[in-house]
All heavy atoms as atom14 arrays in JSON, in Angstrom:
{
  "sequence": "TNIKVAYFDQHRAALDPEKSIAENVGDGKQDVVHQGRPRHILSYL",
  "atom14_mask": [
    [1, 1, 1, 1, 1, 1, 1, 0, 0, 0, 0, 0, 0, 0],
    [1, 1, 1, 1, 1, 1, 1, 1, 0, 0, 0, 0, 0, 0],
    [1, 1, 1, 1, 1, 1, 1, 1, 0, 0, 0, 0, 0, 0],
    [1, 1, 1, 1, 1, 1, 1, 1, 1, 0, 0, 0, 0, 0],
    [1, 1, 1, 1, 1, 1, 1, 0, 0, 0, 0, 0, 0, 0],
    [1, 1, 1, 1, 1, 0, 0, 0, 0, 0, 0, 0, 0, 0],
    [1, 1, 1, 1, 1, 1, 1, 1, 1, 1, 1, 1, 0, 0],
    [1, 1, 1, 1, 1, 1, 1, 1, 1, 1, 1, 0, 0, 0],
    [1, 1, 1, 1, 1, 1, 1, 1, 0, 0, 0, 0, 0, 0],
    [1, 1, 1, 1, 1, 1, 1, 1, 1, 0, 0, 0, 0, 0],
    [1, 1, 1, 1, 1, 1, 1, 1, 1, 1, 0, 0, 0, 0],
    [1, 1, 1, 1, 1, 1, 1, 1, 1, 1, 1, 0, 0, 0],
    [1, 1, 1, 1, 1, 0, 0, 0, 0, 0, 0, 0, 0, 0],
    [1, 1, 1, 1, 1, 0, 0, 0, 0, 0, 0, 0, 0, 0],
    [1, 1, 1, 1, 1, 1, 1, 1, 0, 0, 0, 0, 0, 0],
    [1, 1, 1, 1, 1, 1, 1, 1, 0, 0, 0, 0, 0, 0],
    [1, 1, 1, 1, 1, 1, 1, 0, 0, 0, 0, 0, 0, 0],
    [1, 1, 1, 1, 1, 1, 1, 1, 1, 0, 0, 0, 0, 0],
    [1, 1, 1, 1, 1, 1, 1, 1, 1, 0, 0, 0, 0, 0],
    [1, 1, 1, 1, 1, 1, 0, 0, 0, 0, 0, 0, 0, 0],
    [1, 1, 1, 1, 1, 1, 1, 1, 0, 0, 0, 0, 0, 0],
    [1, 1, 1, 1, 1, 0, 0, 0, 0, 0, 0, 0, 0, 0],
    [1, 1, 1, 1, 1, 1, 1, 1, 1, 0, 0, 0, 0, 0],
    [1, 1, 1, 1, 1, 1, 1, 1, 0, 0, 0, 0, 0, 0],
    [1, 1, 1, 1, 1, 1, 1, 0, 0, 0, 0, 0, 0, 0],
    [1, 1, 1, 1, 0, 0, 0, 0, 0, 0, 0, 0, 0, 0],
    [1, 1, 1, 1, 1, 1, 1, 1, 0, 0, 0, 0, 0, 0],
    [1, 1, 1, 1, 0, 0, 0, 0, 0, 0, 0, 0, 0, 0],
    [1, 1, 1, 1, 1, 1, 1, 1, 1, 0, 0, 0, 0, 0],
    [1, 1, 1, 1, 1, 1, 1, 1, 1, 0, 0, 0, 0, 0],
    [1, 1, 1, 1, 1, 1, 1, 1, 0, 0, 0, 0, 0, 0],
    [1, 1, 1, 1, 1, 1, 1, 0, 0, 0, 0, 0, 0, 0],
    [1, 1, 1, 1, 1, 1, 1, 0, 0, 0, 0, 0, 0, 0],
    [1, 1, 1, 1, 1, 1, 1, 1, 1, 1, 0, 0, 0, 0],
    [1, 1, 1, 1, 1, 1, 1, 1, 1, 0, 0, 0, 0, 0],
    [1, 1, 1, 1, 0, 0, 0, 0, 0, 0, 0, 0, 0, 0],
    [1, 1, 1, 1, 1, 1, 1, 1, 1, 1, 1, 0, 0, 0],
    [1, 1, 1, 1, 1, 1, 1, 0, 0, 0, 0, 0, 0, 0],
    [1, 1, 1, 1, 1, 1, 1, 1, 1, 1, 1, 0, 0, 0],
    [1, 1, 1, 1, 1, 1, 1, 1, 1, 1, 0, 0, 0, 0],
    [1, 1, 1, 1, 1, 1, 1, 1, 0, 0, 0, 0, 0, 0],
    [1, 1, 1, 1, 1, 1, 1, 1, 0, 0, 0, 0, 0, 0],
    [1, 1, 1, 1, 1, 1, 0, 0, 0, 0, 0, 0, 0, 0],
    [1, 1, 1, 1, 1, 1, 1, 1, 1, 1, 1, 1, 0, 0],
    [1, 1, 1, 1, 1, 1, 1, 1, 0, 0, 0, 0, 0, 0]
  ],
  "atom14_positions": [
    [[-16.53, -34.53, -71.62], [-17.02, -33.34, -70.93], [-16.15, -33.09, -69.71], [-15.48, -34.02, -69.15], [-18.52, -33.5, -70.47], [-18.62, -34.65, -69.7], [-19.38, -33.71, -71.75], [0.0, 0.0, 0.0], [0.0, 0.0, 0.0], [0.0, 0.0, 0.0], [0.0, 0.0, 0.0], [0.0, 0.0, 0.0], [0.0, 0.0, 0.0], [0.0, 0.0, 0.0]],
    [[-16.14, -31.87, -69.26], [-15.46, -31.46, -68.12], [-14.02, -31.91, -68.13], [-13.37, -32.34, -67.13], [-16.01, -32.09, -66.75], [-15.59, -31.43, -65.53], [-15.24, -30.2, -65.4], [-15.44, -32.22, -64.41], [0.0, 0.0, 0.0], [0.0, 0.0, 0.0], [0.0, 0.0, 0.0], [0.0, 0.0, 0.0], [0.0, 0.0, 0.0], [0.0, 0.0, 0.0]],
    [[-13.39, -31.61, -69.26], [-11.93, -31.92, -69.43], [-11.05, -30.76, -69.07], [-11.21, -29.67, -69.47], [-11.62, -32.29, -70.95], [-12.45, -33.45, -71.38], [-10.18, -32.6, -71.21], [-12.22, -34.75, -70.76], [0.0, 0.0, 0.0], [0.0, 0.0, 0.0], [0.0, 0.0, 0.0], [0.0, 0.0, 0.0], [0.0, 0.0, 0.0], [0.0, 0.0, 0.0]],
    [[-10.12, -31.1, -68.08], [-9.11, -30.09, -67.69], [-7.83, -30.66, -67.98], [-7.34, -31.59, -67.32], [-9.23, -29.76, -66.23], [-10.61, -29.12, -65.88], [-10.71, -28.89, -64.39], [-11.97, -28.3, -64.0], [-12.12, -28.16, -62.5], [0.0, 0.0, 0.0], [0.0, 0.0, 0.0], [0.0, 0.0, 0.0], [0.0, 0.0, 0.0], [0.0, 0.0, 0.0]],
    [[-7.04, -30.07, -68.91], [-5.82, -30.65, -69.53], [-4.59, -29.99, -68.94], [-4.52, -28.75, -68.76], [-5.81, -30.52, -71.08], [-4.46, -31.05, -71.54], [-6.99, -31.28, -71.55], [0.0, 0.0, 0.0], [0.0, 0.0, 0.0], [0.0, 0.0, 0.0], [0.0, 0.0, 0.0], [0.0, 0.0, 0.0], [0.0, 0.0, 0.0], [0.0, 0.0, 0.0]],
    [[-3.66, -30.78, -68.52], [-2.32, -30.33, -68.21], [-1.34, -30.91, -69.32], [-1.27, -32.19, -69.45], [-1.79, -30.79, -66.83], [0.0, 0.0, 0.0], [0.0, 0.0, 0.0], [0.0, 0.0, 0.0], [0.0, 0.0, 0.0], [0.0, 0.0, 0.0], [0.0, 0.0, 0.0], [0.0, 0.0, 0.0], [0.0, 0.0, 0.0], [0.0, 0.0, 0.0]],
    [[-0.65, -30.09, -70.02], [0.02, -30.47, -71.17], [1.66, -30.22, -70.97], [2.07, -29.02, -70.79], [-0.37, -29.68, -72.46], [-0.02, -30.28, -73.7], [-0.98, -30.66, -74.74], [1.34, -30.47, -74.02], [-0.56, -31.21, -75.91], [1.67, -31.07, -75.29], [0.74, -31.42, -76.22], [1.08, -31.95, -77.38], [0.0, 0.0, 0.0], [0.0, 0.0, 0.0]],
    [[2.36, -31.32, -70.96], [3.84, -31.17, -70.89], [4.33, -31.24, -72.31], [4.25, -32.21, -73.03], [4.49, -32.37, -70.12], [5.95, -32.22, -69.88], [6.5, -31.75, -68.79], [6.83, -32.63, -70.86], [7.89, -31.71, -68.51], [8.14, -32.62, -70.64], [8.71, -32.09, -69.51], [0.0, 0.0, 0.0], [0.0, 0.0, 0.0], [0.0, 0.0, 0.0]],
    [[4.94, -30.06, -72.74], [5.42, -29.94, -74.17], [6.95, -30.2, -74.13], [7.68, -29.61, -73.48], [5.16, -28.48, -74.56], [5.8, -28.15, -75.94], [6.07, -29.1, -76.68], [6.14, -27.01, -76.17], [0.0, 0.0, 0.0], [0.0, 0.0, 0.0], [0.0, 0.0, 0.0], [0.0, 0.0, 0.0], [0.0, 0.0, 0.0], [0.0, 0.0, 0.0]],
    [[7.38, -31.21, -75.04], [8.76, -31.53, -75.12], [9.71, -30.39, -75.48], [10.85, -30.32, -75.25], [8.97, -32.66, -76.06], [8.69, -32.45, -77.57], [9.26, -33.45, -78.46], [10.37, -33.91, -78.41], [8.46, -33.88, -79.5], [0.0, 0.0, 0.0], [0.0, 0.0, 0.0], [0.0, 0.0, 0.0], [0.0, 0.0, 0.0], [0.0, 0.0, 0.0]],
    [[9.05, -29.4, -76.25], [9.91, -28.13, -76.64], [9.88, -27.07, -75.67], [10.53, -26.08, -75.74], [9.34, -27.73, -77.97], [9.27, -28.65, -79.13], [10.53, -29.26, -79.59], [8.36, -29.36, -79.77], [10.23, -30.06, -80.55], [8.88, -30.08, -80.65], [0.0, 0.0, 0.0], [0.0, 0.0, 0.0], [0.0, 0.0, 0.0], [0.0, 0.0, 0.0]],
    [[9.23, -27.43, -74.44], [9.12, -26.4, -73.34], [8.63, -25.07, -73.8], [9.16, -24.0, -73.33], [10.54, -26.22, -72.67], [11.13, -27.75, -72.36], [12.51, -27.64, -71.63], [13.07, -28.9, -71.4], [14.01, -29.33, -72.15], [14.49, -28.66, -73.22], [14.53, -30.53, -71.91], [0.0, 0.0, 0.0], [0.0, 0.0, 0.0], [0.0, 0.0, 0.0]],
    [[7.71, -25.08, -74.75], [7.21, -23.73, -75.3], [6.42, -22.92, -74.19], [6.2, -21.81, -74.33], [6.36, -23.98, -76.5], [0.0, 0.0, 0.0], [0.0, 0.0, 0.0], [0.0, 0.0, 0.0], [0.0, 0.0, 0.0], [0.0, 0.0, 0.0], [0.0, 0.0, 0.0], [0.0, 0.0, 0.0], [0.0, 0.0, 0.0], [0.0, 0.0, 0.0]],
    [[5.99, -23.65, -73.1], [5.23, -23.09, -72.1], [6.1, -22.15, -71.12], [5.52, -21.46, -70.38], [4.52, -24.12, -71.27], [0.0, 0.0, 0.0], [0.0, 0.0, 0.0], [0.0, 0.0, 0.0], [0.0, 0.0, 0.0], [0.0, 0.0, 0.0], [0.0, 0.0, 0.0], [0.0, 0.0, 0.0], [0.0, 0.0, 0.0], [0.0, 0.0, 0.0]],
    [[7.43, -22.23, -71.3], [8.34, -21.43, -70.54], [8.87, -20.27, -71.31], [9.31, -20.45, -72.47], [9.49, -22.35, -70.01], [9.04, -23.46, -69.13], [10.35, -24.39, -68.79], [8.41, -23.02, -67.89], [0.0, 0.0, 0.0], [0.0, 0.0, 0.0], [0.0, 0.0, 0.0], [0.0, 0.0, 0.0], [0.0, 0.0, 0.0], [0.0, 0.0, 0.0]],
    [[8.8, -19.09, -70.75], [9.44, -17.9, -71.34], [10.96, -17.93, -70.96], [11.17, -17.67, -69.72], [8.66, -16.58, -70.89], [9.17, -15.35, -71.55], [10.31, -15.41, -72.08], [8.44, -14.42, -71.7], [0.0, 0.0, 0.0], [0.0, 0.0, 0.0], [0.0, 0.0, 0.0], [0.0, 0.0, 0.0], [0.0, 0.0, 0.0], [0.0, 0.0, 0.0]],
    [[11.78, -18.08, -71.89], [13.22, -18.13, -71.44], [13.78, -16.89, -70.81], [14.8, -16.9, -70.03], [13.91, -18.44, -72.83], [13.06, -17.96, -73.81], [11.6, -18.19, -73.34], [0.0, 0.0, 0.0], [0.0, 0.0, 0.0], [0.0, 0.0, 0.0], [0.0, 0.0, 0.0], [0.0, 0.0, 0.0], [0.0, 0.0, 0.0], [0.0, 0.0, 0.0]],
    [[13.22, -15.73, -70.99], [13.65, -14.39, -70.54], [13.21, -14.25, -69.04], [13.8, -13.54, -68.32], [13.23, -13.3, -71.41], [13.76, -13.37, -72.8], [15.28, -13.36, -72.89], [15.91, -12.74, -72.07], [15.81, -14.06, -73.74], [0.0, 0.0, 0.0], [0.0, 0.0, 0.0], [0.0, 0.0, 0.0], [0.0, 0.0, 0.0], [0.0, 0.0, 0.0]],
    [[12.06, -14.93, -68.65], [11.55, -14.75, -67.33], [12.23, -15.71, -66.27], [12.67, -16.79, -66.73], [10.08, -14.88, -67.27], [9.29, -13.77, -68.02], [7.83, -14.05, -68.03], [7.1, -12.91, -68.66], [5.59, -13.1, -68.59], [0.0, 0.0, 0.0], [0.0, 0.0, 0.0], [0.0, 0.0, 0.0], [0.0, 0.0, 0.0], [0.0, 0.0, 0.0]],
    [[12.13, -15.44, -65.08], [12.63, -16.35, -64.05], [11.72, -17.56, -63.93], [10.6, -17.62, -64.37], [12.8, -15.66, -62.72], [11.47, -15.39, -62.19], [0.0, 0.0, 0.0], [0.0, 0.0, 0.0], [0.0, 0.0, 0.0], [0.0, 0.0, 0.0], [0.0, 0.0, 0.0], [0.0, 0.0, 0.0], [0.0, 0.0, 0.0], [0.0, 0.0, 0.0]],
    [[12.29, -18.53, -63.16], [11.44, -19.74, -62.89], [10.18, -19.35, -62.19], [9.16, -19.73, -62.5], [12.27, -20.82, -62.02], [13.61, -21.16, -62.7], [11.47, -21.97, -61.66], [14.52, -21.91, -61.92], [0.0, 0.0, 0.0], [0.0, 0.0, 0.0], [0.0, 0.0, 0.0], [0.0, 0.0, 0.0], [0.0, 0.0, 0.0], [0.0, 0.0, 0.0]],
    [[10.26, -18.57, -61.06], [9.14, -18.13, -60.2], [8.19, -17.33, -61.12], [6.96, -17.55, -61.02], [9.62, -17.25, -59.07], [0.0, 0.0, 0.0], [0.0, 0.0, 0.0], [0.0, 0.0, 0.0], [0.0, 0.0, 0.0], [0.0, 0.0, 0.0], [0.0, 0.0, 0.0], [0.0, 0.0, 0.0], [0.0, 0.0, 0.0], [0.0, 0.0, 0.0]],
    [[8.59, -16.48, -62.03], [7.68, -15.71, -62.91], [6.93, -16.75, -63.86], [5.77, -16.56, -64.12], [8.42, -14.68, -63.64], [8.86, -13.6, -62.79], [9.78, -12.66, -63.63], [10.53, -13.11, -64.4], [9.76, -11.36, -63.25], [0.0, 0.0, 0.0], [0.0, 0.0, 0.0], [0.0, 0.0, 0.0], [0.0, 0.0, 0.0], [0.0, 0.0, 0.0]],
    [[7.65, -17.67, -64.33], [7.11, -18.6, -65.32], [6.03, -19.48, -64.54], [4.91, -19.7, -65.14], [8.1, -19.55, -65.94], [8.7, -18.93, -67.27], [8.07, -19.12, -68.3], [9.91, -18.41, -67.16], [0.0, 0.0, 0.0], [0.0, 0.0, 0.0], [0.0, 0.0, 0.0], [0.0, 0.0, 0.0], [0.0, 0.0, 0.0], [0.0, 0.0, 0.0]],
    [[6.41, -20.05, -63.45], [5.57, -21.02, -62.73], [4.35, -20.33, -62.17], [3.26, -20.77, -62.24], [6.3, -21.83, -61.76], [5.38, -22.73, -60.94], [7.37, -22.63, -62.5], [0.0, 0.0, 0.0], [0.0, 0.0, 0.0], [0.0, 0.0, 0.0], [0.0, 0.0, 0.0], [0.0, 0.0, 0.0], [0.0, 0.0, 0.0], [0.0, 0.0, 0.0]],
    [[4.56, -19.19, -61.54], [3.45, -18.43, -60.81], [2.82, -17.52, -61.63], [1.92, -16.75, -61.07], [0.0, 0.0, 0.0], [0.0, 0.0, 0.0], [0.0, 0.0, 0.0], [0.0, 0.0, 0.0], [0.0, 0.0, 0.0], [0.0, 0.0, 0.0], [0.0, 0.0, 0.0], [0.0, 0.0, 0.0], [0.0, 0.0, 0.0], [0.0, 0.0, 0.0]],
    [[3.15, -17.37, -62.83], [2.57, -16.29, -63.78], [2.68, -14.91, -63.12], [1.7, -14.07, -63.13], [1.05, -16.67, -64.04], [0.91, -17.83, -64.96], [1.85, -17.82, -65.83], [-0.08, -18.51, -64.84], [0.0, 0.0, 0.0], [0.0, 0.0, 0.0], [0.0, 0.0, 0.0], [0.0, 0.0, 0.0], [0.0, 0.0, 0.0], [0.0, 0.0, 0.0]],
    [[3.89, -14.6, -62.39], [4.1, -13.31, -61.85], [3.44, -13.17, -60.44], [3.69, -12.09, -59.76], [0.0, 0.0, 0.0], [0.0, 0.0, 0.0], [0.0, 0.0, 0.0], [0.0, 0.0, 0.0], [0.0, 0.0, 0.0], [0.0, 0.0, 0.0], [0.0, 0.0, 0.0], [0.0, 0.0, 0.0], [0.0, 0.0, 0.0], [0.0, 0.0, 0.0]],
    [[2.8, -14.16, -59.92], [2.12, -14.04, -58.55], [3.11, -14.59, -57.5], [3.84, -15.59, -57.72], [0.83, -14.81, -58.57], [-0.14, -14.4, -59.55], [-1.46, -15.33, -59.52], [-2.41, -14.92, -60.68], [-3.52, -15.91, -60.68], [0.0, 0.0, 0.0], [0.0, 0.0, 0.0], [0.0, 0.0, 0.0], [0.0, 0.0, 0.0], [0.0, 0.0, 0.0]],
    [[3.11, -13.95, -56.27], [3.79, -14.46, -55.27], [3.25, -15.53, -54.51], [3.91, -16.37, -53.86], [4.21, -13.24, -54.22], [5.02, -12.19, -54.84], [6.44, -12.63, -55.07], [7.06, -13.31, -54.29], [6.87, -12.43, -56.34], [0.0, 0.0, 0.0], [0.0, 0.0, 0.0], [0.0, 0.0, 0.0], [0.0, 0.0, 0.0], [0.0, 0.0, 0.0]],
    [[1.84, -15.53, -54.49], [1.07, -16.6, -53.86], [0.33, -17.45, -54.82], [-0.31, -16.86, -55.71], [0.22, -16.03, -52.81], [0.91, -15.4, -51.64], [1.74, -16.05, -50.93], [0.69, -14.12, -51.47], [0.0, 0.0, 0.0], [0.0, 0.0, 0.0], [0.0, 0.0, 0.0], [0.0, 0.0, 0.0], [0.0, 0.0, 0.0], [0.0, 0.0, 0.0]],
    [[0.34, -18.76, -54.68], [-0.27, -19.66, -55.64], [-1.04, -20.61, -54.81], [-0.97, -20.75, -53.63], [0.7, -20.39, -56.53], [1.5, -19.48, -57.41], [1.62, -21.26, -55.64], [0.0, 0.0, 0.0], [0.0, 0.0, 0.0], [0.0, 0.0, 0.0], [0.0, 0.0, 0.0], [0.0, 0.0, 0.0], [0.0, 0.0, 0.0], [0.0, 0.0, 0.0]],
    [[-2.1, -21.31, -55.43], [-2.84, -22.25, -54.78], [-2.57, -23.57, -55.39], [-2.59, -23.86, -56.63], [-4.43, -22.02, -54.99], [-5.26, -23.06, -54.41], [-4.78, -20.69, -54.38], [0.0, 0.0, 0.0], [0.0, 0.0, 0.0], [0.0, 0.0, 0.0], [0.0, 0.0, 0.0], [0.0, 0.0, 0.0], [0.0, 0.0, 0.0], [0.0, 0.0, 0.0]],
    [[-2.13, -24.56, -54.54], [-1.8, -25.94, -55.03], [-2.47, -26.84, -54.18], [-2.41, -26.88, -52.93], [-0.28, -26.11, -54.82], [0.14, -27.43, -55.32], [0.87, -28.37, -54.49], [0.06, -28.14, -56.48], [1.15, -29.55, -55.18], [0.65, -29.43, -56.37], [0.0, 0.0, 0.0], [0.0, 0.0, 0.0], [0.0, 0.0, 0.0], [0.0, 0.0, 0.0]],
    [[-3.17, -27.88, -54.67], [-4.01, -28.84, -54.03], [-4.95, -28.28, -53.08], [-5.13, -28.69, -51.95], [-3.13, -29.92, -53.44], [-2.3, -30.72, -54.39], [-1.52, -31.85, -53.77], [-0.97, -31.73, -52.63], [-1.41, -32.93, -54.44], [0.0, 0.0, 0.0], [0.0, 0.0, 0.0], [0.0, 0.0, 0.0], [0.0, 0.0, 0.0], [0.0, 0.0, 0.0]],
    [[-5.55, -27.1, -53.45], [-6.62, -26.45, -52.59], [-6.07, -25.56, -51.48], [-6.97, -24.98, -50.74], [0.0, 0.0, 0.0], [0.0, 0.0, 0.0], [0.0, 0.0, 0.0], [0.0, 0.0, 0.0], [0.0, 0.0, 0.0], [0.0, 0.0, 0.0], [0.0, 0.0, 0.0], [0.0, 0.0, 0.0], [0.0, 0.0, 0.0], [0.0, 0.0, 0.0]],
    [[-4.73, -25.42, -51.31], [-4.19, -24.51, -50.2], [-3.17, -23.51, -50.75], [-2.5, -23.91, -51.69], [-3.68, -25.38, -49.07], [-2.4, -26.19, -49.39], [-2.01, -27.07, -48.2], [-0.77, -27.73, -48.53], [0.43, -27.34, -48.18], [0.55, -26.2, -47.53], [1.55, -27.95, -48.43], [0.0, 0.0, 0.0], [0.0, 0.0, 0.0], [0.0, 0.0, 0.0]],
    [[-3.26, -22.31, -50.25], [-2.34, -21.29, -50.73], [-0.88, -21.62, -50.28], [-0.62, -22.06, -49.14], [-2.82, -20.0, -50.05], [-3.52, -20.48, -48.82], [-4.05, -21.83, -49.17], [0.0, 0.0, 0.0], [0.0, 0.0, 0.0], [0.0, 0.0, 0.0], [0.0, 0.0, 0.0], [0.0, 0.0, 0.0], [0.0, 0.0, 0.0], [0.0, 0.0, 0.0]],
    [[-0.01, -21.31, -51.16], [1.49, -21.43, -50.82], [2.24, -20.27, -51.51], [1.89, -19.84, -52.56], [2.02, -22.73, -51.3], [1.43, -23.88, -50.68], [2.13, -25.23, -51.1], [3.52, -25.25, -50.72], [4.39, -26.24, -50.96], [3.9, -27.32, -51.73], [5.7, -26.19, -50.61], [0.0, 0.0, 0.0], [0.0, 0.0, 0.0], [0.0, 0.0, 0.0]],
    [[3.34, -19.86, -50.9], [4.23, -18.87, -51.54], [4.97, -19.63, -52.69], [5.37, -20.81, -52.59], [5.19, -18.33, -50.52], [5.95, -17.05, -51.01], [7.03, -17.18, -51.91], [5.75, -15.83, -50.73], [7.36, -15.84, -52.13], [6.62, -15.07, -51.49], [0.0, 0.0, 0.0], [0.0, 0.0, 0.0], [0.0, 0.0, 0.0], [0.0, 0.0, 0.0]],
    [[5.13, -18.89, -53.75], [5.75, -19.51, -55.01], [7.17, -20.06, -54.69], [7.5, -21.09, -55.12], [5.78, -18.48, -56.09], [6.29, -19.18, -57.37], [6.63, -17.27, -55.8], [5.47, -20.26, -57.9], [0.0, 0.0, 0.0], [0.0, 0.0, 0.0], [0.0, 0.0, 0.0], [0.0, 0.0, 0.0], [0.0, 0.0, 0.0], [0.0, 0.0, 0.0]],
    [[7.93, -19.44, -53.82], [9.27, -19.94, -53.53], [9.26, -21.2, -52.74], [10.05, -22.08, -52.86], [10.01, -18.84, -52.67], [10.3, -17.47, -53.59], [11.23, -16.58, -52.78], [10.89, -17.77, -54.98], [0.0, 0.0, 0.0], [0.0, 0.0, 0.0], [0.0, 0.0, 0.0], [0.0, 0.0, 0.0], [0.0, 0.0, 0.0], [0.0, 0.0, 0.0]],
    [[8.17, -21.26, -51.81], [8.12, -22.5, -51.06], [7.64, -23.75, -51.96], [8.15, -24.76, -51.81], [6.9, -22.31, -50.07], [6.6, -23.55, -49.38], [0.0, 0.0, 0.0], [0.0, 0.0, 0.0], [0.0, 0.0, 0.0], [0.0, 0.0, 0.0], [0.0, 0.0, 0.0], [0.0, 0.0, 0.0], [0.0, 0.0, 0.0], [0.0, 0.0, 0.0]],
    [[6.76, -23.38, -52.89], [6.29, -24.5, -53.82], [7.41, -24.9, -54.67], [7.59, -26.12, -54.92], [5.11, -23.81, -54.69], [4.7, -24.68, -55.85], [4.05, -25.91, -55.62], [5.0, -24.45, -57.15], [3.64, -26.89, -56.63], [4.59, -25.27, -58.24], [3.94, -26.4, -57.93], [3.55, -27.3, -58.94], [0.0, 0.0, 0.0], [0.0, 0.0, 0.0]],
    [[8.3, -23.93, -55.1], [9.39, -24.37, -56.02], [10.42, -25.11, -55.32], [11.19, -25.99, -55.94], [9.95, -23.09, -56.6], [9.05, -22.49, -57.73], [9.75, -21.11, -58.23], [8.94, -23.36, -58.89], [0.0, 0.0, 0.0], [0.0, 0.0, 0.0], [0.0, 0.0, 0.0], [0.0, 0.0, 0.0], [0.0, 0.0, 0.0], [0.0, 0.0, 0.0]]
  ]
}
């Protein structure tokens, strides 16, 4: 119960090759939340 999965795929299927790193990681958002606090996607990367 209460399972939250983070999956690292060896084929990197979770990444869209046509999109930028920031678009892939942040899902198009400029601000993301990491470890409970907001950060700009470029700072996080």
